[in-house]
Amino acid sequence: MLSLVCLTLIPHVRNKLDDYLQTQSETSQLTKLFRSALFLSSLSRLVHHLLYLTNRIESHSPLLTLCGVRLTYVQDEHVNTNRFLSALSSLVQVGALSVQLLQTWYSNSGDDVTLTGNGVALGIPPPPGAPLSLPGSGCPLCRGRCEIPTVLATSG
């Protein structure tokens, strides 16, 4: 229960407090105190990360150290279970992608209509009236002469 609080509730409260303090003025003593506390919290996380990187402590977060959680390597008896769960997870992902693909395939069913954000259907736009200029005949944007010759016809 303590790890749940340390991993979810404390970061949530810290983020909400930070969002609230961004809207407040800097003149209040309470605001200055909270900002100092957030700074010290960030500084302690930085020091904790550095100690974790140098293998001096066993967890990467001060909150995990507070609740007594240690990071360890997986034992051999759990490897087969993890492989099965990994294969099952991959199978579920492929299945979900296939279902989404089939839904998209059959929902359009030949209709060349795109919906905008407000739900208004837009058809395919008509082709441009003037033919596009051929490569080498000039800049397609400004219709001027190309100053720097390039290999690609679309640049330059």
N, C-alpha and C. Protein backbone atom coordinates (compact mmCIF):
# COMPACT_ATOMS: atom_id res chain seq x y z
N MET A 1 0.82 -1.19 0.00
CA MET A 1 0.00 0.00 0.00
C MET A 1 0.87 1.26 0.00
N LEU A 2 1.97 1.21 0.74
CA LEU A 2 2.85 2.36 0.80
C LEU A 2 3.50 2.64 -0.56
N SER A 3 3.86 1.58 -1.30
CA SER A 3 4.46 1.79 -2.62
C SER A 3 3.44 2.38 -3.59
N LEU A 4 2.17 2.01 -3.47
CA LEU A 4 1.13 2.59 -4.31
C LEU A 4 1.02 4.09 -4.07
N VAL A 5 1.04 4.48 -2.82
CA VAL A 5 0.95 5.90 -2.48
C VAL A 5 2.19 6.63 -2.98
N CYS A 6 3.37 6.03 -2.77
CA CYS A 6 4.61 6.69 -3.18
C CYS A 6 4.75 6.81 -4.69
N LEU A 7 4.22 5.86 -5.43
CA LEU A 7 4.39 5.87 -6.88
C LEU A 7 3.27 6.59 -7.63
N THR A 8 2.12 6.80 -6.99
CA THR A 8 1.01 7.45 -7.69
C THR A 8 0.56 8.75 -7.04
N LEU A 9 0.25 8.70 -5.77
CA LEU A 9 -0.35 9.85 -5.11
C LEU A 9 0.64 11.00 -4.93
N ILE A 10 1.83 10.73 -4.47
CA ILE A 10 2.81 11.80 -4.23
C ILE A 10 3.21 12.51 -5.53
N PRO A 11 3.54 11.81 -6.63
CA PRO A 11 3.83 12.54 -7.87
C PRO A 11 2.62 13.31 -8.40
N HIS A 12 1.42 12.76 -8.23
CA HIS A 12 0.22 13.46 -8.69
C HIS A 12 0.03 14.76 -7.92
N VAL A 13 0.17 14.71 -6.61
CA VAL A 13 0.02 15.91 -5.78
C VAL A 13 1.12 16.92 -6.12
N ARG A 14 2.34 16.45 -6.34
CA ARG A 14 3.44 17.34 -6.69
C ARG A 14 3.17 18.04 -8.02
N ASN A 15 2.66 17.31 -9.03
CA ASN A 15 2.34 17.92 -10.33
C ASN A 15 1.20 18.92 -10.22
N LYS A 16 0.17 18.58 -9.45
CA LYS A 16 -0.96 19.51 -9.27
C LYS A 16 -0.50 20.77 -8.54
N LEU A 17 0.36 20.61 -7.55
CA LEU A 17 0.88 21.75 -6.81
C LEU A 17 1.73 22.63 -7.72
N ASP A 18 2.53 22.02 -8.57
CA ASP A 18 3.35 22.78 -9.51
C ASP A 18 2.47 23.55 -10.50
N ASP A 19 1.41 22.91 -11.02
CA ASP A 19 0.49 23.59 -11.93
C ASP A 19 -0.21 24.76 -11.23
N TYR A 20 -0.58 24.56 -9.98
CA TYR A 20 -1.25 25.62 -9.22
C TYR A 20 -0.29 26.78 -8.97
N LEU A 21 0.96 26.48 -8.66
CA LEU A 21 1.92 27.53 -8.36
C LEU A 21 2.30 28.34 -9.59
N GLN A 22 2.16 27.77 -10.75
CA GLN A 22 2.45 28.52 -11.98
C GLN A 22 1.42 29.60 -12.23
N THR A 23 0.22 29.43 -11.70
CA THR A 23 -0.82 30.44 -11.88
C THR A 23 -0.80 31.50 -10.79
N GLN A 24 -0.07 31.27 -9.69
CA GLN A 24 -0.04 32.19 -8.56
C GLN A 24 1.10 33.19 -8.71
N SER A 25 0.99 34.28 -7.95
CA SER A 25 2.04 35.29 -7.97
C SER A 25 3.23 34.83 -7.14
N GLU A 26 4.35 35.46 -7.37
CA GLU A 26 5.59 35.09 -6.69
C GLU A 26 5.73 35.75 -5.33
N THR A 27 4.84 36.65 -4.96
CA THR A 27 5.05 37.45 -3.76
C THR A 27 4.65 36.75 -2.47
N SER A 28 3.80 35.76 -2.52
CA SER A 28 3.32 35.10 -1.32
C SER A 28 4.43 34.27 -0.67
N GLN A 29 4.48 34.30 0.67
CA GLN A 29 5.47 33.49 1.39
C GLN A 29 5.21 32.01 1.21
N LEU A 30 3.93 31.62 1.20
CA LEU A 30 3.57 30.22 1.03
C LEU A 30 4.00 29.71 -0.36
N THR A 31 3.84 30.57 -1.36
CA THR A 31 4.26 30.20 -2.72
C THR A 31 5.77 30.00 -2.77
N LYS A 32 6.51 30.89 -2.13
CA LYS A 32 7.98 30.75 -2.10
C LYS A 32 8.39 29.48 -1.37
N LEU A 33 7.69 29.16 -0.28
CA LEU A 33 7.99 27.95 0.47
C LEU A 33 7.73 26.69 -0.36
N PHE A 34 6.59 26.66 -1.07
CA PHE A 34 6.26 25.51 -1.91
C PHE A 34 7.25 25.37 -3.07
N ARG A 35 7.64 26.51 -3.66
CA ARG A 35 8.61 26.45 -4.75
C ARG A 35 9.95 25.92 -4.25
N SER A 36 10.35 26.32 -3.07
CA SER A 36 11.60 25.81 -2.49
C SER A 36 11.50 24.31 -2.23
N ALA A 37 10.34 23.87 -1.74
CA ALA A 37 10.15 22.44 -1.49
C ALA A 37 10.19 21.65 -2.79
N LEU A 38 9.57 22.17 -3.87
CA LEU A 38 9.62 21.49 -5.16
C LEU A 38 11.04 21.45 -5.71
N PHE A 39 11.80 22.53 -5.50
CA PHE A 39 13.19 22.56 -5.95
C PHE A 39 14.01 21.51 -5.20
N LEU A 40 13.84 21.45 -3.88
CA LEU A 40 14.58 20.46 -3.10
C LEU A 40 14.19 19.04 -3.47
N SER A 41 12.92 18.82 -3.81
CA SER A 41 12.48 17.51 -4.25
C SER A 41 13.15 17.12 -5.57
N SER A 42 13.21 18.06 -6.49
CA SER A 42 13.87 17.79 -7.78
C SER A 42 15.36 17.57 -7.59
N LEU A 43 15.97 18.33 -6.72
CA LEU A 43 17.39 18.17 -6.45
C LEU A 43 17.67 16.82 -5.80
N SER A 44 16.81 16.39 -4.89
CA SER A 44 17.02 15.08 -4.26
C SER A 44 16.85 13.95 -5.27
N ARG A 45 15.91 14.11 -6.22
CA ARG A 45 15.76 13.09 -7.26
C ARG A 45 17.00 13.03 -8.14
N LEU A 46 17.59 14.19 -8.45
CA LEU A 46 18.80 14.22 -9.27
C LEU A 46 19.95 13.51 -8.54
N VAL A 47 20.14 13.83 -7.28
CA VAL A 47 21.21 13.20 -6.50
C VAL A 47 20.96 11.70 -6.40
N HIS A 48 19.71 11.32 -6.22
CA HIS A 48 19.37 9.90 -6.11
C HIS A 48 19.67 9.17 -7.41
N HIS A 49 19.33 9.80 -8.54
CA HIS A 49 19.64 9.19 -9.84
C HIS A 49 21.15 9.02 -10.02
N LEU A 50 21.91 10.03 -9.63
CA LEU A 50 23.37 9.92 -9.76
C LEU A 50 23.92 8.81 -8.88
N LEU A 51 23.40 8.68 -7.67
CA LEU A 51 23.85 7.59 -6.80
C LEU A 51 23.45 6.24 -7.36
N TYR A 52 22.29 6.15 -7.99
CA TYR A 52 21.85 4.89 -8.61
C TYR A 52 22.75 4.54 -9.79
N LEU A 53 23.12 5.54 -10.57
CA LEU A 53 23.99 5.28 -11.73
C LEU A 53 25.38 4.82 -11.32
N THR A 54 25.82 5.22 -10.14
CA THR A 54 27.13 4.79 -9.67
C THR A 54 27.05 3.55 -8.78
N ASN A 55 25.91 2.89 -8.74
CA ASN A 55 25.68 1.66 -7.99
C ASN A 55 25.89 1.81 -6.49
N ARG A 56 25.56 2.96 -5.95
CA ARG A 56 25.69 3.15 -4.51
C ARG A 56 24.38 2.91 -3.76
N ILE A 57 23.27 2.94 -4.49
CA ILE A 57 21.96 2.60 -3.91
C ILE A 57 21.25 1.65 -4.85
N GLU A 58 20.19 1.01 -4.35
CA GLU A 58 19.55 -0.06 -5.12
C GLU A 58 18.26 0.34 -5.82
N SER A 59 17.76 1.54 -5.65
CA SER A 59 16.56 1.95 -6.36
C SER A 59 16.80 3.30 -7.03
N HIS A 60 16.08 3.55 -8.10
CA HIS A 60 16.32 4.75 -8.90
C HIS A 60 15.50 5.95 -8.44
N SER A 61 14.67 5.79 -7.44
CA SER A 61 13.79 6.87 -7.01
C SER A 61 13.83 7.01 -5.50
N PRO A 62 13.85 8.24 -4.99
CA PRO A 62 13.80 8.42 -3.54
C PRO A 62 12.50 7.88 -2.94
N LEU A 63 11.42 7.94 -3.70
CA LEU A 63 10.15 7.43 -3.20
C LEU A 63 10.18 5.91 -3.06
N LEU A 64 10.86 5.23 -3.99
CA LEU A 64 11.00 3.78 -3.88
C LEU A 64 11.88 3.40 -2.70
N THR A 65 12.91 4.19 -2.46
CA THR A 65 13.76 3.95 -1.29
C THR A 65 12.96 4.17 -0.01
N LEU A 66 12.11 5.19 -0.01
CA LEU A 66 11.29 5.49 1.16
C LEU A 66 10.36 4.33 1.51
N CYS A 67 9.79 3.69 0.49
CA CYS A 67 8.85 2.59 0.78
C CYS A 67 9.55 1.23 0.79
N GLY A 68 10.87 1.18 0.59
CA GLY A 68 11.62 -0.06 0.75
C GLY A 68 11.62 -0.97 -0.46
N VAL A 69 11.36 -0.46 -1.65
CA VAL A 69 11.36 -1.28 -2.86
C VAL A 69 12.78 -1.35 -3.41
N ARG A 70 13.22 -2.56 -3.75
CA ARG A 70 14.54 -2.76 -4.34
C ARG A 70 14.37 -3.33 -5.74
N LEU A 71 15.25 -2.93 -6.64
CA LEU A 71 15.26 -3.48 -8.00
C LEU A 71 16.27 -4.61 -8.05
N THR A 72 15.84 -5.78 -8.50
CA THR A 72 16.73 -6.93 -8.61
C THR A 72 16.55 -7.58 -9.97
N TYR A 73 17.50 -8.42 -10.33
CA TYR A 73 17.40 -9.18 -11.58
C TYR A 73 16.41 -10.32 -11.40
N VAL A 74 15.77 -10.73 -12.49
CA VAL A 74 14.80 -11.81 -12.44
C VAL A 74 15.52 -13.15 -12.24
N GLN A 75 14.90 -14.03 -11.49
CA GLN A 75 15.46 -15.36 -11.25
C GLN A 75 15.13 -16.28 -12.42
N ASP A 76 15.85 -17.40 -12.56
CA ASP A 76 15.68 -18.30 -13.68
C ASP A 76 14.29 -18.92 -13.76
N GLU A 77 13.64 -19.16 -12.62
CA GLU A 77 12.33 -19.82 -12.67
C GLU A 77 11.24 -18.90 -13.22
N HIS A 78 11.50 -17.59 -13.23
CA HIS A 78 10.51 -16.65 -13.75
C HIS A 78 10.70 -16.35 -15.23
N VAL A 79 11.81 -16.79 -15.81
CA VAL A 79 12.11 -16.46 -17.20
C VAL A 79 11.09 -17.10 -18.14
N ASN A 80 10.73 -18.37 -17.92
CA ASN A 80 9.78 -19.04 -18.80
C ASN A 80 8.41 -18.37 -18.73
N THR A 81 7.99 -17.94 -17.57
CA THR A 81 6.72 -17.24 -17.42
C THR A 81 6.76 -15.92 -18.16
N ASN A 82 7.88 -15.21 -18.07
CA ASN A 82 8.00 -13.93 -18.75
C ASN A 82 8.00 -14.11 -20.27
N ARG A 83 8.61 -15.17 -20.77
CA ARG A 83 8.58 -15.42 -22.22
C ARG A 83 7.17 -15.70 -22.70
N PHE A 84 6.42 -16.48 -21.89
CA PHE A 84 5.04 -16.77 -22.26
C PHE A 84 4.21 -15.49 -22.26
N LEU A 85 4.38 -14.66 -21.25
CA LEU A 85 3.62 -13.41 -21.17
C LEU A 85 4.02 -12.46 -22.29
N SER A 86 5.29 -12.47 -22.65
CA SER A 86 5.74 -11.62 -23.75
C SER A 86 5.13 -12.07 -25.08
N ALA A 87 5.11 -13.37 -25.32
CA ALA A 87 4.49 -13.90 -26.54
C ALA A 87 3.00 -13.62 -26.56
N LEU A 88 2.35 -13.77 -25.41
CA LEU A 88 0.92 -13.50 -25.32
C LEU A 88 0.63 -12.02 -25.57
N SER A 89 1.47 -11.15 -25.03
CA SER A 89 1.31 -9.72 -25.24
C SER A 89 1.47 -9.36 -26.71
N SER A 90 2.47 -9.94 -27.37
CA SER A 90 2.66 -9.69 -28.80
C SER A 90 1.48 -10.17 -29.61
N LEU A 91 0.93 -11.33 -29.25
CA LEU A 91 -0.23 -11.87 -29.95
C LEU A 91 -1.44 -10.96 -29.80
N VAL A 92 -1.65 -10.44 -28.61
CA VAL A 92 -2.77 -9.52 -28.38
C VAL A 92 -2.58 -8.23 -29.17
N GLN A 93 -1.37 -7.72 -29.24
CA GLN A 93 -1.11 -6.50 -30.00
C GLN A 93 -1.37 -6.71 -31.49
N VAL A 94 -0.91 -7.82 -32.03
CA VAL A 94 -1.14 -8.10 -33.45
C VAL A 94 -2.64 -8.29 -33.71
N GLY A 95 -3.33 -8.95 -32.80
CA GLY A 95 -4.78 -9.13 -32.95
C GLY A 95 -5.52 -7.81 -32.92
N ALA A 96 -5.15 -6.92 -32.01
CA ALA A 96 -5.80 -5.61 -31.94
C ALA A 96 -5.53 -4.79 -33.20
N LEU A 97 -4.30 -4.84 -33.71
CA LEU A 97 -3.99 -4.14 -34.94
C LEU A 97 -4.79 -4.70 -36.11
N SER A 98 -4.94 -6.01 -36.16
CA SER A 98 -5.72 -6.63 -37.24
C SER A 98 -7.18 -6.21 -37.18
N VAL A 99 -7.74 -6.17 -35.98
CA VAL A 99 -9.14 -5.75 -35.84
C VAL A 99 -9.31 -4.30 -36.28
N GLN A 100 -8.39 -3.43 -35.90
CA GLN A 100 -8.47 -2.03 -36.32
C GLN A 100 -8.33 -1.90 -37.83
N LEU A 101 -7.43 -2.68 -38.42
CA LEU A 101 -7.26 -2.64 -39.87
C LEU A 101 -8.53 -3.08 -40.58
N LEU A 102 -9.14 -4.16 -40.10
CA LEU A 102 -10.38 -4.64 -40.73
C LEU A 102 -11.53 -3.64 -40.55
N GLN A 103 -11.61 -3.00 -39.38
CA GLN A 103 -12.65 -1.99 -39.17
C GLN A 103 -12.46 -0.82 -40.12
N THR A 104 -11.22 -0.37 -40.30
CA THR A 104 -10.95 0.73 -41.22
C THR A 104 -11.24 0.31 -42.65
N TRP A 105 -10.88 -0.90 -43.00
CA TRP A 105 -11.06 -1.39 -44.36
C TRP A 105 -12.54 -1.44 -44.73
N TYR A 106 -13.37 -1.97 -43.84
CA TYR A 106 -14.77 -2.14 -44.15
C TYR A 106 -15.62 -0.93 -43.81
N SER A 107 -15.12 0.01 -43.01
CA SER A 107 -15.92 1.19 -42.70
C SER A 107 -15.96 2.15 -43.89
N ASN A 108 -14.86 2.25 -44.64
CA ASN A 108 -14.86 3.14 -45.80
C ASN A 108 -15.57 2.50 -46.98
N SER A 109 -15.33 1.25 -47.23
CA SER A 109 -15.96 0.44 -48.29
C SER A 109 -16.18 1.20 -49.59
N GLY A 110 -15.13 1.82 -50.09
CA GLY A 110 -15.21 2.46 -51.38
C GLY A 110 -15.58 3.93 -51.32
N ASP A 111 -15.99 4.44 -50.18
CA ASP A 111 -16.32 5.86 -50.06
C ASP A 111 -15.02 6.64 -49.90
N ASP A 112 -14.79 7.57 -50.79
CA ASP A 112 -13.60 8.40 -50.69
C ASP A 112 -13.96 9.71 -49.99
N VAL A 113 -14.35 9.58 -48.73
CA VAL A 113 -14.78 10.74 -47.95
C VAL A 113 -13.91 10.82 -46.70
N THR A 114 -13.47 12.02 -46.38
CA THR A 114 -12.69 12.25 -45.19
C THR A 114 -13.50 13.11 -44.24
N LEU A 115 -13.52 12.77 -42.97
CA LEU A 115 -14.23 13.56 -41.98
C LEU A 115 -13.26 14.52 -41.31
N THR A 116 -13.70 15.75 -41.13
CA THR A 116 -12.88 16.73 -40.43
C THR A 116 -13.15 16.59 -38.94
N GLY A 117 -12.54 17.45 -38.14
CA GLY A 117 -12.69 17.38 -36.70
C GLY A 117 -14.11 17.61 -36.22
N ASN A 118 -14.90 18.41 -36.96
CA ASN A 118 -16.26 18.68 -36.51
C ASN A 118 -17.28 17.73 -37.14
N GLY A 119 -16.85 16.72 -37.86
CA GLY A 119 -17.76 15.70 -38.38
C GLY A 119 -18.33 16.02 -39.75
N VAL A 120 -17.87 17.08 -40.41
CA VAL A 120 -18.36 17.44 -41.73
C VAL A 120 -17.60 16.62 -42.77
N ALA A 121 -18.34 15.97 -43.68
CA ALA A 121 -17.71 15.13 -44.69
C ALA A 121 -17.19 16.00 -45.83
N LEU A 122 -15.96 15.75 -46.22
CA LEU A 122 -15.35 16.45 -47.34
C LEU A 122 -15.02 15.42 -48.41
N GLY A 123 -15.33 15.73 -49.64
CA GLY A 123 -15.02 14.84 -50.74
C GLY A 123 -13.59 15.04 -51.21
N ILE A 124 -13.23 14.34 -52.27
CA ILE A 124 -11.91 14.48 -52.86
C ILE A 124 -11.88 15.81 -53.61
N PRO A 125 -10.84 16.62 -53.42
CA PRO A 125 -10.79 17.90 -54.11
C PRO A 125 -10.57 17.70 -55.61
N PRO A 126 -11.04 18.65 -56.43
CA PRO A 126 -10.83 18.51 -57.87
C PRO A 126 -9.36 18.68 -58.23
N PRO A 127 -8.94 18.15 -59.36
CA PRO A 127 -7.53 18.29 -59.77
C PRO A 127 -7.24 19.76 -60.09
N PRO A 128 -5.98 20.16 -60.00
CA PRO A 128 -5.64 21.55 -60.30
C PRO A 128 -5.91 21.87 -61.76
N GLY A 129 -6.29 23.13 -62.02
CA GLY A 129 -6.64 23.54 -63.38
C GLY A 129 -5.44 23.62 -64.29
N ALA A 130 -4.37 24.23 -63.83
CA ALA A 130 -3.18 24.39 -64.67
C ALA A 130 -2.25 23.20 -64.48
N PRO A 131 -1.68 22.70 -65.56
CA PRO A 131 -0.74 21.58 -65.41
C PRO A 131 0.51 22.05 -64.67
N LEU A 132 1.09 21.14 -63.90
CA LEU A 132 2.31 21.45 -63.18
C LEU A 132 3.47 21.57 -64.16
N SER A 133 4.41 22.42 -63.82
CA SER A 133 5.55 22.62 -64.70
C SER A 133 6.45 21.38 -64.67
N LEU A 134 7.08 21.13 -65.76
CA LEU A 134 7.98 19.99 -65.87
C LEU A 134 9.29 20.30 -65.17
N PRO A 135 9.97 19.25 -64.67
CA PRO A 135 11.27 19.48 -64.02
C PRO A 135 12.25 20.12 -64.98
N GLY A 136 12.98 21.08 -64.49
CA GLY A 136 13.98 21.75 -65.30
C GLY A 136 13.46 23.00 -65.97
N SER A 137 12.14 23.25 -65.91
CA SER A 137 11.60 24.42 -66.57
C SER A 137 11.54 25.62 -65.65
N GLY A 138 11.90 25.46 -64.36
CA GLY A 138 11.89 26.59 -63.45
C GLY A 138 11.35 26.17 -62.10
N CYS A 139 11.30 27.14 -61.22
CA CYS A 139 10.82 26.88 -59.87
C CYS A 139 9.30 26.74 -59.88
N PRO A 140 8.76 25.64 -59.31
CA PRO A 140 7.30 25.47 -59.33
C PRO A 140 6.58 26.42 -58.37
N LEU A 141 7.30 27.04 -57.44
CA LEU A 141 6.66 27.95 -56.49
C LEU A 141 6.61 29.38 -57.02
N CYS A 142 7.77 29.91 -57.40
CA CYS A 142 7.82 31.31 -57.82
C CYS A 142 7.82 31.47 -59.34
N ARG A 143 7.86 30.37 -60.06
CA ARG A 143 7.87 30.35 -61.53
C ARG A 143 9.09 31.06 -62.12
N GLY A 144 10.10 31.26 -61.27
CA GLY A 144 11.32 31.91 -61.75
C GLY A 144 12.35 30.88 -62.19
N ARG A 145 13.50 31.39 -62.66
CA ARG A 145 14.57 30.53 -63.10
C ARG A 145 15.27 29.97 -61.88
N CYS A 146 15.66 28.68 -61.91
CA CYS A 146 16.36 28.04 -60.80
C CYS A 146 17.78 28.57 -60.73
N GLU A 147 18.16 29.01 -59.53
CA GLU A 147 19.49 29.57 -59.33
C GLU A 147 20.53 28.49 -59.10
N ILE A 148 20.19 27.44 -58.34
CA ILE A 148 21.15 26.39 -58.01
C ILE A 148 20.62 25.08 -58.58
N PRO A 149 21.28 24.50 -59.56
CA PRO A 149 20.79 23.25 -60.12
C PRO A 149 20.95 22.10 -59.09
N THR A 150 19.95 21.25 -59.01
CA THR A 150 19.98 20.15 -58.06
C THR A 150 19.65 18.86 -58.78
N VAL A 151 19.88 17.75 -58.07
CA VAL A 151 19.60 16.44 -58.64
C VAL A 151 18.10 16.16 -58.60
N LEU A 152 17.46 16.53 -57.50
CA LEU A 152 16.03 16.30 -57.38
C LEU A 152 15.24 17.40 -58.07
N ALA A 153 14.21 16.99 -58.79
CA ALA A 153 13.43 17.98 -59.52
C ALA A 153 12.54 18.79 -58.58
N THR A 154 12.30 18.29 -57.37
CA THR A 154 11.37 18.98 -56.47
C THR A 154 12.07 20.02 -55.61
N SER A 155 13.40 20.10 -55.62
CA SER A 155 14.10 21.07 -54.80
C SER A 155 14.82 22.06 -55.69
N GLY A 156 15.27 23.16 -55.11
CA GLY A 156 16.11 24.06 -55.84
C GLY A 156 15.48 25.34 -56.13
